[in-house]
Amino acid sequence: MLSENLAAIVEAVGETLIKVAPYLAVAAIVFTVLSSRFACNPGRPWWRSPELVTDLAYWFFIPVFTRFLRIGLMVVGAVYLFGIRGPDAIIAFYDNGHGPLAQLPFWLQTVMYLVVSDLLLYWSHRLFHGAKLWKFHAVHHSSEEVNWLSAARFHPVNLSLGTVIVDVALLIAGIAPAVLGILSPLSVAMSVFVHANVNWSLGPFKYVIAGPVFHRWHHTAPDRGGSKNFAATFPIFDIIFGTFYMPAGELPDKYGVEDPNFPRSFVGQMVYPFRS
């Protein structure tokens, strides 16, 4: 039994990494071309970054971590909230959603997920900028050369109390997993896009959809844009709650955190929040 479980875990890890590889390949090509033509902050290319190894470690660790955590929380939710037991019963329970939300048209479930998840993530993001949780979110802000690879640099605690818990909450509420199946790749693509070293402010669409300049301001110092632009996808939430920041005729620069001793390695960053 132990060997079978171990083999299943290894297989799941392999499947996850295989899915990640195409994202890396496509993003590397697309944003190498775009940043060479529309760089927001001219400098060395992403592949010459001194933090390349660290960022790649995140890209291969984070998808595996979030997959297993999401599945684990869904199982716990099914067992303790709904009394569903047994792998087949749990799969059947989540397969097409459940309850009133599952009865809604698929397109409406998709819209609901997009709006509700972005609203919840907006407030989760703001909480992580508070004193108690900042040490975990500081890992994401530690990139001094923000580029598309920075999209995966998140501490597991940050992800657990952010995207993972939001996804699981919506699935437990009844949203069909197929919605996440469609939107998850788009979410990854969006995160890569807003972290890209591209000077696109998106013109009048900057109020509709998050873009690279919008989010890069968020990676600057707190007294600039670092305490603004919390929305992951829809800037309307920043407009509503008074945190929208896009100064005209100016581009963001100077990223990173104030701690001069912030670790550069992947392992060091995993441990950092528990040491500081």
Protein backbone atom coordinates (compact mmCIF):
# COMPACT_ATOMS: atom_id res chain seq x y z
CA MET A 1 0.00 0.00 0.00
CA LEU A 2 2.80 2.41 0.91
CA SER A 3 4.60 1.74 -2.36
CA GLU A 4 1.37 2.29 -4.31
CA ASN A 5 0.72 5.60 -2.56
CA LEU A 6 4.30 6.71 -3.14
CA ALA A 7 4.04 5.78 -6.82
CA ALA A 8 0.80 7.76 -7.10
CA ILE A 9 2.44 10.81 -5.53
CA VAL A 10 5.45 10.57 -7.84
CA GLU A 11 3.14 10.24 -10.83
CA ALA A 12 1.11 13.28 -9.73
CA VAL A 13 4.28 15.31 -9.28
CA GLY A 14 5.46 14.30 -12.73
CA GLU A 15 2.12 15.22 -14.32
CA THR A 16 2.18 18.62 -12.61
CA LEU A 17 5.70 19.40 -13.76
CA ILE A 18 4.89 18.32 -17.31
CA LYS A 19 2.00 20.79 -17.30
CA VAL A 20 4.26 23.58 -16.03
CA ALA A 21 6.95 23.12 -18.69
CA PRO A 22 4.89 24.49 -21.62
CA TYR A 23 4.03 27.63 -19.62
CA LEU A 24 7.71 28.25 -19.02
CA ALA A 25 8.64 27.68 -22.65
CA VAL A 26 5.91 29.91 -24.10
CA ALA A 27 6.40 32.67 -21.51
CA ALA A 28 10.16 32.65 -22.02
CA ILE A 29 9.76 33.20 -25.76
CA VAL A 30 6.88 35.70 -25.65
CA PHE A 31 8.25 37.93 -22.91
CA THR A 32 11.80 37.83 -24.18
CA VAL A 33 10.49 39.34 -27.40
CA LEU A 34 8.14 41.83 -25.71
CA SER A 35 10.64 43.03 -23.10
CA SER A 36 13.25 43.60 -25.79
CA ARG A 37 10.82 45.96 -27.54
CA PHE A 38 8.69 47.39 -24.72
CA ALA A 39 10.84 47.13 -21.58
CA CYS A 40 9.48 49.03 -18.59
CA ASN A 41 12.88 48.91 -16.89
CA PRO A 42 15.82 48.44 -19.27
CA GLY A 43 18.56 46.17 -17.96
CA ARG A 44 19.84 42.64 -18.19
CA PRO A 45 17.50 39.98 -19.61
CA TRP A 46 15.65 37.61 -17.28
CA TRP A 47 17.93 34.66 -18.02
CA ARG A 48 20.90 36.61 -16.62
CA SER A 49 19.18 37.45 -13.36
CA PRO A 50 21.19 36.41 -10.27
CA GLU A 51 17.91 35.05 -8.87
CA LEU A 52 17.10 32.82 -11.85
CA VAL A 53 17.70 29.55 -9.99
CA THR A 54 15.53 30.68 -7.08
CA ASP A 55 12.66 31.70 -9.35
CA LEU A 56 12.82 28.44 -11.29
CA ALA A 57 12.67 26.53 -8.00
CA TYR A 58 9.40 28.31 -7.23
CA TRP A 59 8.02 27.47 -10.67
CA PHE A 60 8.52 23.75 -10.09
CA PHE A 61 7.69 23.59 -6.37
CA ILE A 62 4.63 25.84 -6.11
CA PRO A 63 2.37 24.01 -8.64
CA VAL A 64 3.02 20.69 -6.89
CA PHE A 65 2.39 22.18 -3.45
CA THR A 66 -0.83 23.95 -4.41
CA ARG A 67 -2.19 20.88 -6.21
CA PHE A 68 -1.82 18.58 -3.21
CA LEU A 69 -2.99 21.21 -0.72
CA ARG A 70 -6.07 22.03 -2.80
CA ILE A 71 -7.00 18.35 -3.08
CA GLY A 72 -6.39 17.77 0.62
CA LEU A 73 -8.58 20.68 1.69
CA MET A 74 -11.35 19.59 -0.67
CA VAL A 75 -11.32 16.11 0.86
CA VAL A 76 -11.40 17.56 4.39
CA GLY A 77 -14.29 19.83 3.40
CA ALA A 78 -16.28 16.97 1.90
CA VAL A 79 -15.74 14.73 4.93
CA TYR A 80 -16.32 17.18 7.77
CA LEU A 81 -18.83 19.58 6.22
CA PHE A 82 -20.94 17.17 4.18
CA GLY A 83 -20.18 13.75 5.62
CA ILE A 84 -18.93 12.40 2.28
CA ARG A 85 -16.49 9.50 2.67
CA GLY A 86 -14.55 7.30 0.29
CA PRO A 87 -12.54 8.45 -2.76
CA ASP A 88 -15.24 7.56 -5.30
CA ALA A 89 -17.96 9.33 -3.32
CA ILE A 90 -15.81 12.45 -2.89
CA ILE A 91 -14.98 12.57 -6.61
CA ALA A 92 -18.67 12.16 -7.47
CA PHE A 93 -19.57 14.89 -4.96
CA TYR A 94 -17.31 17.47 -6.59
CA ASP A 95 -17.51 16.22 -10.17
CA ASN A 96 -20.18 18.62 -11.43
CA GLY A 97 -20.48 20.87 -8.42
CA HIS A 98 -23.32 20.57 -5.93
CA GLY A 99 -26.16 22.56 -4.42
CA PRO A 100 -27.77 25.71 -5.84
CA LEU A 101 -24.58 27.05 -7.48
CA ALA A 102 -24.20 23.87 -9.55
CA GLN A 103 -27.66 24.49 -11.03
CA LEU A 104 -26.58 27.81 -12.53
CA PRO A 105 -25.49 27.99 -16.19
CA PHE A 106 -21.81 27.22 -16.63
CA TRP A 107 -21.07 30.70 -17.99
CA LEU A 108 -22.65 32.29 -14.92
CA GLN A 109 -20.62 30.07 -12.59
CA THR A 110 -17.52 31.19 -14.47
CA VAL A 111 -18.39 34.88 -14.11
CA MET A 112 -19.21 34.38 -10.43
CA TYR A 113 -15.89 32.67 -9.83
CA LEU A 114 -13.95 35.43 -11.61
CA VAL A 115 -15.61 38.25 -9.66
CA VAL A 116 -15.91 36.64 -6.22
CA SER A 117 -12.43 35.13 -6.24
CA ASP A 118 -10.86 38.43 -7.29
CA LEU A 119 -12.73 40.28 -4.55
CA LEU A 120 -11.64 37.75 -1.92
CA LEU A 121 -8.06 37.80 -3.18
CA TYR A 122 -8.07 41.60 -3.09
CA TRP A 123 -8.79 41.57 0.65
CA SER A 124 -6.50 38.63 1.29
CA HIS A 125 -3.74 40.57 -0.46
CA ARG A 126 -4.37 43.61 1.72
CA LEU A 127 -4.23 41.47 4.86
CA PHE A 128 -0.83 40.14 3.81
CA HIS A 129 0.43 43.71 3.68
CA GLY A 130 -0.40 44.03 7.38
CA ALA A 131 2.23 43.67 10.08
CA LYS A 132 1.34 40.11 11.09
CA LEU A 133 1.40 38.51 7.64
CA TRP A 134 3.82 40.75 5.75
CA LYS A 135 6.84 38.52 6.52
CA PHE A 136 5.26 35.81 4.34
CA HIS A 137 4.22 38.14 1.53
CA ALA A 138 7.63 39.85 1.61
CA VAL A 139 8.93 36.77 -0.20
CA HIS A 140 6.91 37.76 -3.25
CA HIS A 141 8.09 41.37 -3.03
CA SER A 142 11.74 40.37 -2.63
CA SER A 143 12.34 40.30 -6.40
CA GLU A 144 14.58 43.24 -7.20
CA GLU A 145 14.29 42.61 -10.93
CA VAL A 146 10.57 41.98 -11.44
CA ASN A 147 9.87 39.94 -14.55
CA TRP A 148 7.56 37.16 -15.69
CA LEU A 149 9.41 34.60 -13.56
CA SER A 150 8.48 36.57 -10.43
CA ALA A 151 4.88 35.41 -10.82
CA ALA A 152 5.56 32.13 -9.01
CA ARG A 153 7.56 33.53 -6.10
CA PHE A 154 5.11 33.03 -3.23
CA HIS A 155 5.63 31.55 0.20
CA PRO A 156 3.42 28.47 0.78
CA VAL A 157 1.71 30.17 3.72
CA ASN A 158 0.80 33.09 1.45
CA LEU A 159 -0.68 30.71 -1.12
CA SER A 160 -2.46 28.61 1.50
CA LEU A 161 -4.31 31.61 2.89
CA GLY A 162 -4.77 33.18 -0.54
CA THR A 163 -5.49 31.48 -3.84
CA VAL A 164 -5.76 27.94 -2.48
CA ILE A 165 -8.26 28.69 0.28
CA VAL A 166 -10.32 30.87 -2.07
CA ASP A 167 -10.46 28.15 -4.72
CA VAL A 168 -11.40 25.48 -2.18
CA ALA A 169 -14.06 27.71 -0.59
CA LEU A 170 -15.74 28.27 -3.96
CA LEU A 171 -15.57 24.58 -4.84
CA ILE A 172 -17.07 23.62 -1.48
CA ALA A 173 -19.76 26.26 -2.06
CA GLY A 174 -20.77 24.36 -5.19
CA ILE A 175 -18.86 25.81 -8.15
CA ALA A 176 -18.07 23.08 -10.67
CA PRO A 177 -14.37 22.06 -10.81
CA ALA A 178 -14.56 22.45 -14.61
CA VAL A 179 -14.70 26.20 -14.02
CA LEU A 180 -11.29 26.07 -12.36
CA GLY A 181 -10.08 23.74 -15.08
CA ILE A 182 -10.74 26.46 -17.63
CA LEU A 183 -9.72 29.48 -15.57
CA SER A 184 -6.61 28.16 -13.82
CA PRO A 185 -4.43 28.32 -16.97
CA LEU A 186 -5.78 31.81 -17.64
CA SER A 187 -4.98 32.81 -14.06
CA VAL A 188 -1.38 31.66 -14.47
CA ALA A 189 -1.11 33.49 -17.78
CA MET A 190 -2.52 36.64 -16.20
CA SER A 191 -0.06 36.50 -13.32
CA VAL A 192 2.84 36.06 -15.73
CA PHE A 193 1.56 38.96 -17.83
CA VAL A 194 1.26 41.49 -14.99
CA HIS A 195 4.76 40.68 -13.72
CA ALA A 196 6.35 40.99 -17.17
CA ASN A 197 8.95 43.68 -17.77
CA VAL A 198 6.69 45.48 -20.23
CA ASN A 199 5.70 49.16 -20.21
CA TRP A 200 2.06 48.61 -21.13
CA SER A 201 -0.37 50.70 -19.08
CA LEU A 202 -3.26 49.53 -21.32
CA GLY A 203 -4.61 53.05 -21.86
CA PRO A 204 -8.31 53.38 -20.95
CA PHE A 205 -8.46 49.62 -20.31
CA LYS A 206 -6.27 50.09 -17.24
CA TYR A 207 -9.50 50.55 -15.28
CA VAL A 208 -10.89 47.27 -16.62
CA ILE A 209 -8.07 44.76 -16.50
CA ALA A 210 -4.77 44.62 -14.60
CA GLY A 211 -1.68 45.20 -16.71
CA PRO A 212 2.10 45.15 -16.23
CA VAL A 213 2.51 48.80 -15.22
CA PHE A 214 -0.47 48.59 -12.85
CA HIS A 215 1.03 45.67 -10.96
CA ARG A 216 4.65 46.77 -11.17
CA TRP A 217 3.68 49.87 -9.20
CA HIS A 218 2.55 47.50 -6.47
CA HIS A 219 6.10 46.10 -6.27
CA THR A 220 7.63 49.52 -5.56
CA ALA A 221 8.20 51.02 -2.09
CA PRO A 222 5.15 51.47 0.19
CA ASP A 223 5.37 55.27 0.00
CA ARG A 224 5.03 55.02 -3.78
CA GLY A 225 2.74 52.33 -5.20
CA GLY A 226 3.62 49.48 -2.86
CA SER A 227 0.53 50.03 -0.75
CA LYS A 228 -1.74 50.30 -3.80
CA ASN A 229 -3.03 48.13 -6.67
CA PHE A 230 -3.98 44.97 -4.78
CA ALA A 231 -6.36 43.50 -7.36
CA ALA A 232 -5.13 40.44 -9.24
CA THR A 233 -7.36 40.87 -12.28
CA PHE A 234 -9.93 43.66 -11.98
CA PRO A 235 -8.66 47.14 -10.97
CA ILE A 236 -12.26 48.16 -10.30
CA PHE A 237 -11.80 46.82 -6.75
CA ASP A 238 -8.87 49.19 -6.21
CA ILE A 239 -10.98 52.03 -7.57
CA ILE A 240 -13.90 51.16 -5.27
CA PHE A 241 -11.74 50.82 -2.16
CA GLY A 242 -9.45 53.77 -2.88
CA THR A 243 -6.21 51.93 -3.64
CA PHE A 244 -5.85 52.55 -7.38
CA TYR A 245 -2.49 54.10 -8.35
CA MET A 246 -1.37 54.88 -11.89
CA PRO A 247 0.43 58.26 -12.05
CA ALA A 248 0.37 59.76 -15.53
CA GLY A 249 3.62 59.95 -17.47
CA GLU A 250 5.61 57.89 -14.98
CA LEU A 251 6.79 54.30 -14.91
CA PRO A 252 7.55 52.19 -11.81
CA ASP A 253 11.09 51.20 -10.85
CA LYS A 254 13.19 50.18 -7.80
CA TYR A 255 11.69 46.97 -6.49
CA GLY A 256 12.42 44.67 -3.57
CA VAL A 257 12.12 44.79 0.23
CA GLU A 258 13.88 46.97 2.78
CA ASP A 259 15.68 44.14 4.58
CA PRO A 260 19.28 44.15 3.24
CA ASN A 261 19.80 40.65 4.65
CA PHE A 262 16.83 39.09 2.90
CA PRO A 263 17.93 35.63 1.71
CA ARG A 264 18.39 35.00 -2.00
CA SER A 265 18.04 31.23 -1.99
CA PHE A 266 14.77 29.30 -2.22
CA VAL A 267 15.34 27.45 1.06
CA GLY A 268 16.38 30.65 2.81
CA GLN A 269 13.18 32.37 1.72
CA MET A 270 11.08 29.43 2.92
CA VAL A 271 12.60 29.78 6.38
CA TYR A 272 12.81 33.58 6.50
CA PRO A 273 9.29 34.35 7.84
CA PHE A 274 9.82 32.00 10.78
CA ARG A 275 13.17 33.54 11.69
CA SER A 276 12.40 37.24 11.42
